[in-house]
Amino acid sequence: MLIETEILQESYAELFEIVDEETLCQIYEIYRGRQISFPMRLYDRQRVAQRIKSEYDGHNLAALTKKYDYSQRWIRKILQD
């Protein structure tokens, strides 16, 4: 499918700036007509909690905070539970 970029809907035009034509067509076919909301966080909270428990070595709280973009307070709570 040859995409005529000058007549794209705004949301598709924005996507086309960051993905290639084939990927845009796939996104269109899969998601057209749907309302999509992206969470503020990239990673799933429960999965991050499990990962933090396995990666925590007693001295890397600040590194985990930076790596997963969660507060030290939240990470401490996860480690206490």
N, C-alpha and C. Protein backbone atom coordinates (compact mmCIF):
# COMPACT_ATOMS: atom_id res chain seq x y z
N MET A 1 0.85 -1.18 0.00
CA MET A 1 0.00 0.00 0.00
C MET A 1 0.90 1.24 0.00
N LEU A 2 0.73 2.11 -0.94
CA LEU A 2 1.48 3.35 -1.00
C LEU A 2 0.74 4.41 -0.20
N ILE A 3 1.41 4.93 0.82
CA ILE A 3 0.78 5.91 1.71
C ILE A 3 0.98 7.31 1.15
N GLU A 4 -0.13 8.04 1.05
CA GLU A 4 -0.09 9.43 0.63
C GLU A 4 0.00 10.29 1.89
N THR A 5 1.20 10.62 2.27
CA THR A 5 1.46 11.26 3.56
C THR A 5 0.78 12.60 3.74
N GLU A 6 0.57 13.34 2.68
CA GLU A 6 0.00 14.68 2.82
C GLU A 6 -1.47 14.68 3.21
N ILE A 7 -2.14 13.53 3.14
CA ILE A 7 -3.57 13.49 3.52
C ILE A 7 -3.84 12.56 4.71
N LEU A 8 -2.78 12.16 5.42
CA LEU A 8 -2.94 11.30 6.59
C LEU A 8 -3.64 12.02 7.73
N GLN A 9 -4.42 11.27 8.51
CA GLN A 9 -4.95 11.78 9.76
C GLN A 9 -3.76 12.17 10.63
N GLU A 10 -3.95 13.13 11.53
CA GLU A 10 -2.85 13.66 12.34
C GLU A 10 -2.13 12.56 13.14
N SER A 11 -2.88 11.69 13.78
CA SER A 11 -2.25 10.65 14.60
C SER A 11 -1.42 9.69 13.74
N TYR A 12 -1.91 9.37 12.55
CA TYR A 12 -1.14 8.50 11.65
C TYR A 12 0.07 9.24 11.09
N ALA A 13 -0.07 10.51 10.83
CA ALA A 13 1.06 11.31 10.35
C ALA A 13 2.17 11.35 11.40
N GLU A 14 1.78 11.50 12.67
CA GLU A 14 2.78 11.51 13.75
C GLU A 14 3.48 10.16 13.85
N LEU A 15 2.72 9.08 13.75
CA LEU A 15 3.33 7.75 13.77
C LEU A 15 4.27 7.55 12.59
N PHE A 16 3.87 8.06 11.44
CA PHE A 16 4.67 7.88 10.23
C PHE A 16 6.04 8.56 10.35
N GLU A 17 6.13 9.56 11.22
CA GLU A 17 7.41 10.23 11.46
C GLU A 17 8.39 9.34 12.21
N ILE A 18 7.89 8.32 12.92
CA ILE A 18 8.78 7.49 13.73
C ILE A 18 8.83 6.02 13.29
N VAL A 19 7.93 5.59 12.43
CA VAL A 19 7.95 4.21 11.94
C VAL A 19 7.92 4.21 10.41
N ASP A 20 8.33 3.10 9.84
CA ASP A 20 8.31 3.01 8.38
C ASP A 20 6.89 2.74 7.86
N GLU A 21 6.76 2.79 6.55
CA GLU A 21 5.44 2.65 5.92
C GLU A 21 4.80 1.30 6.22
N GLU A 22 5.56 0.24 6.16
CA GLU A 22 5.02 -1.10 6.42
C GLU A 22 4.51 -1.22 7.85
N THR A 23 5.27 -0.69 8.80
CA THR A 23 4.86 -0.74 10.21
C THR A 23 3.59 0.08 10.43
N LEU A 24 3.52 1.23 9.80
CA LEU A 24 2.32 2.05 9.92
C LEU A 24 1.09 1.32 9.40
N CYS A 25 1.25 0.63 8.28
CA CYS A 25 0.13 -0.14 7.71
C CYS A 25 -0.29 -1.26 8.67
N GLN A 26 0.68 -1.90 9.33
CA GLN A 26 0.35 -2.95 10.30
C GLN A 26 -0.39 -2.37 11.49
N ILE A 27 0.08 -1.24 11.99
CA ILE A 27 -0.59 -0.58 13.11
C ILE A 27 -2.02 -0.22 12.72
N TYR A 28 -2.19 0.32 11.53
CA TYR A 28 -3.51 0.69 11.04
C TYR A 28 -4.43 -0.53 10.98
N GLU A 29 -3.97 -1.62 10.43
CA GLU A 29 -4.79 -2.83 10.30
C GLU A 29 -5.17 -3.41 11.66
N ILE A 30 -4.27 -3.39 12.58
CA ILE A 30 -4.52 -4.00 13.90
C ILE A 30 -5.36 -3.11 14.80
N TYR A 31 -5.08 -1.81 14.81
CA TYR A 31 -5.67 -0.93 15.81
C TYR A 31 -6.71 0.08 15.29
N ARG A 32 -6.99 0.11 14.02
CA ARG A 32 -7.91 1.13 13.51
C ARG A 32 -9.27 1.04 14.20
N GLY A 33 -9.80 2.20 14.52
CA GLY A 33 -11.09 2.29 15.17
C GLY A 33 -11.04 2.17 16.68
N ARG A 34 -9.89 1.86 17.24
CA ARG A 34 -9.76 1.69 18.69
C ARG A 34 -9.22 2.96 19.34
N GLN A 35 -9.64 3.16 20.58
CA GLN A 35 -9.05 4.20 21.40
C GLN A 35 -7.91 3.55 22.18
N ILE A 36 -6.73 4.10 22.08
CA ILE A 36 -5.57 3.52 22.76
C ILE A 36 -5.03 4.55 23.74
N SER A 37 -4.79 4.10 24.95
CA SER A 37 -4.20 4.94 25.98
C SER A 37 -2.92 4.27 26.45
N PHE A 38 -1.84 5.00 26.43
CA PHE A 38 -0.56 4.45 26.86
C PHE A 38 -0.30 4.83 28.31
N PRO A 39 0.04 3.86 29.15
CA PRO A 39 0.32 4.14 30.56
C PRO A 39 1.50 5.11 30.69
N MET A 40 1.54 5.83 31.80
CA MET A 40 2.63 6.76 32.06
C MET A 40 3.95 6.02 32.25
N ARG A 41 3.88 4.80 32.73
CA ARG A 41 5.10 4.02 32.96
C ARG A 41 5.25 2.98 31.86
N LEU A 42 6.48 2.77 31.46
CA LEU A 42 6.78 1.80 30.42
C LEU A 42 6.63 0.37 30.92
N TYR A 43 7.04 0.14 32.17
CA TYR A 43 7.05 -1.23 32.71
C TYR A 43 5.87 -1.51 33.63
N ASP A 44 5.42 -2.77 33.63
CA ASP A 44 4.34 -3.24 34.48
C ASP A 44 4.78 -3.26 35.95
N ARG A 45 3.97 -2.68 36.80
CA ARG A 45 4.31 -2.50 38.22
C ARG A 45 4.60 -3.83 38.93
N GLN A 46 3.77 -4.84 38.74
CA GLN A 46 3.98 -6.12 39.43
C GLN A 46 5.23 -6.84 38.92
N ARG A 47 5.47 -6.76 37.64
CA ARG A 47 6.66 -7.39 37.09
C ARG A 47 7.93 -6.68 37.54
N VAL A 48 7.86 -5.37 37.64
CA VAL A 48 9.00 -4.61 38.15
C VAL A 48 9.27 -5.00 39.60
N ALA A 49 8.22 -5.14 40.38
CA ALA A 49 8.38 -5.53 41.78
C ALA A 49 9.09 -6.88 41.89
N GLN A 50 8.70 -7.83 41.09
CA GLN A 50 9.36 -9.14 41.10
C GLN A 50 10.83 -9.02 40.70
N ARG A 51 11.08 -8.23 39.68
CA ARG A 51 12.44 -8.06 39.19
C ARG A 51 13.31 -7.39 40.25
N ILE A 52 12.76 -6.37 40.92
CA ILE A 52 13.51 -5.66 41.96
C ILE A 52 13.88 -6.61 43.08
N LYS A 53 12.95 -7.45 43.49
CA LYS A 53 13.23 -8.42 44.56
C LYS A 53 14.38 -9.34 44.18
N SER A 54 14.44 -9.72 42.91
CA SER A 54 15.52 -10.63 42.50
C SER A 54 16.84 -9.90 42.25
N GLU A 55 16.79 -8.62 41.91
CA GLU A 55 18.01 -7.88 41.60
C GLU A 55 18.61 -7.15 42.80
N TYR A 56 17.83 -6.95 43.84
CA TYR A 56 18.32 -6.18 44.98
C TYR A 56 19.41 -6.96 45.70
N ASP A 57 20.54 -6.29 45.93
CA ASP A 57 21.67 -6.95 46.59
C ASP A 57 22.01 -6.33 47.94
N GLY A 58 21.14 -5.43 48.40
CA GLY A 58 21.38 -4.78 49.67
C GLY A 58 22.09 -3.44 49.54
N HIS A 59 22.61 -3.14 48.37
CA HIS A 59 23.38 -1.91 48.19
C HIS A 59 23.02 -1.16 46.91
N ASN A 60 22.09 -1.63 46.14
CA ASN A 60 21.83 -1.03 44.83
C ASN A 60 20.44 -0.37 44.71
N LEU A 61 19.95 0.16 45.81
CA LEU A 61 18.63 0.81 45.81
C LEU A 61 18.59 1.99 44.82
N ALA A 62 19.59 2.83 44.85
CA ALA A 62 19.62 4.00 43.95
C ALA A 62 19.67 3.57 42.49
N ALA A 63 20.44 2.54 42.20
CA ALA A 63 20.55 2.06 40.82
C ALA A 63 19.22 1.49 40.33
N LEU A 64 18.52 0.76 41.20
CA LEU A 64 17.22 0.20 40.82
C LEU A 64 16.19 1.32 40.62
N THR A 65 16.28 2.34 41.46
CA THR A 65 15.39 3.50 41.32
C THR A 65 15.57 4.14 39.96
N LYS A 66 16.79 4.34 39.56
CA LYS A 66 17.07 4.95 38.27
C LYS A 66 16.70 4.02 37.11
N LYS A 67 17.03 2.75 37.24
CA LYS A 67 16.79 1.79 36.16
C LYS A 67 15.31 1.64 35.83
N TYR A 68 14.47 1.55 36.86
CA TYR A 68 13.05 1.27 36.64
C TYR A 68 12.15 2.50 36.78
N ASP A 69 12.72 3.65 37.14
CA ASP A 69 11.98 4.91 37.24
C ASP A 69 10.85 4.84 38.27
N TYR A 70 11.15 4.23 39.40
CA TYR A 70 10.24 4.23 40.55
C TYR A 70 10.96 4.85 41.72
N SER A 71 10.21 5.37 42.68
CA SER A 71 10.82 6.06 43.82
C SER A 71 11.49 5.06 44.77
N GLN A 72 12.47 5.57 45.52
CA GLN A 72 13.12 4.72 46.52
C GLN A 72 12.11 4.29 47.57
N ARG A 73 11.18 5.14 47.89
CA ARG A 73 10.14 4.80 48.88
C ARG A 73 9.33 3.60 48.41
N TRP A 74 8.91 3.61 47.14
CA TRP A 74 8.13 2.49 46.61
C TRP A 74 8.96 1.21 46.58
N ILE A 75 10.20 1.32 46.18
CA ILE A 75 11.08 0.14 46.12
C ILE A 75 11.31 -0.41 47.51
N ARG A 76 11.54 0.46 48.50
CA ARG A 76 11.70 -0.04 49.88
C ARG A 76 10.45 -0.79 50.35
N LYS A 77 9.28 -0.25 50.02
CA LYS A 77 8.03 -0.93 50.40
C LYS A 77 7.94 -2.31 49.76
N ILE A 78 8.31 -2.41 48.50
CA ILE A 78 8.31 -3.70 47.81
C ILE A 78 9.25 -4.68 48.49
N LEU A 79 10.41 -4.20 48.87
CA LEU A 79 11.39 -5.06 49.51
C LEU A 79 10.99 -5.49 50.92
N GLN A 80 10.19 -4.66 51.59
CA GLN A 80 9.73 -5.00 52.95
C GLN A 80 8.62 -6.03 52.93
N ASP A 81 7.81 -6.04 51.88
CA ASP A 81 6.66 -6.97 51.80
C ASP A 81 7.11 -8.40 51.60
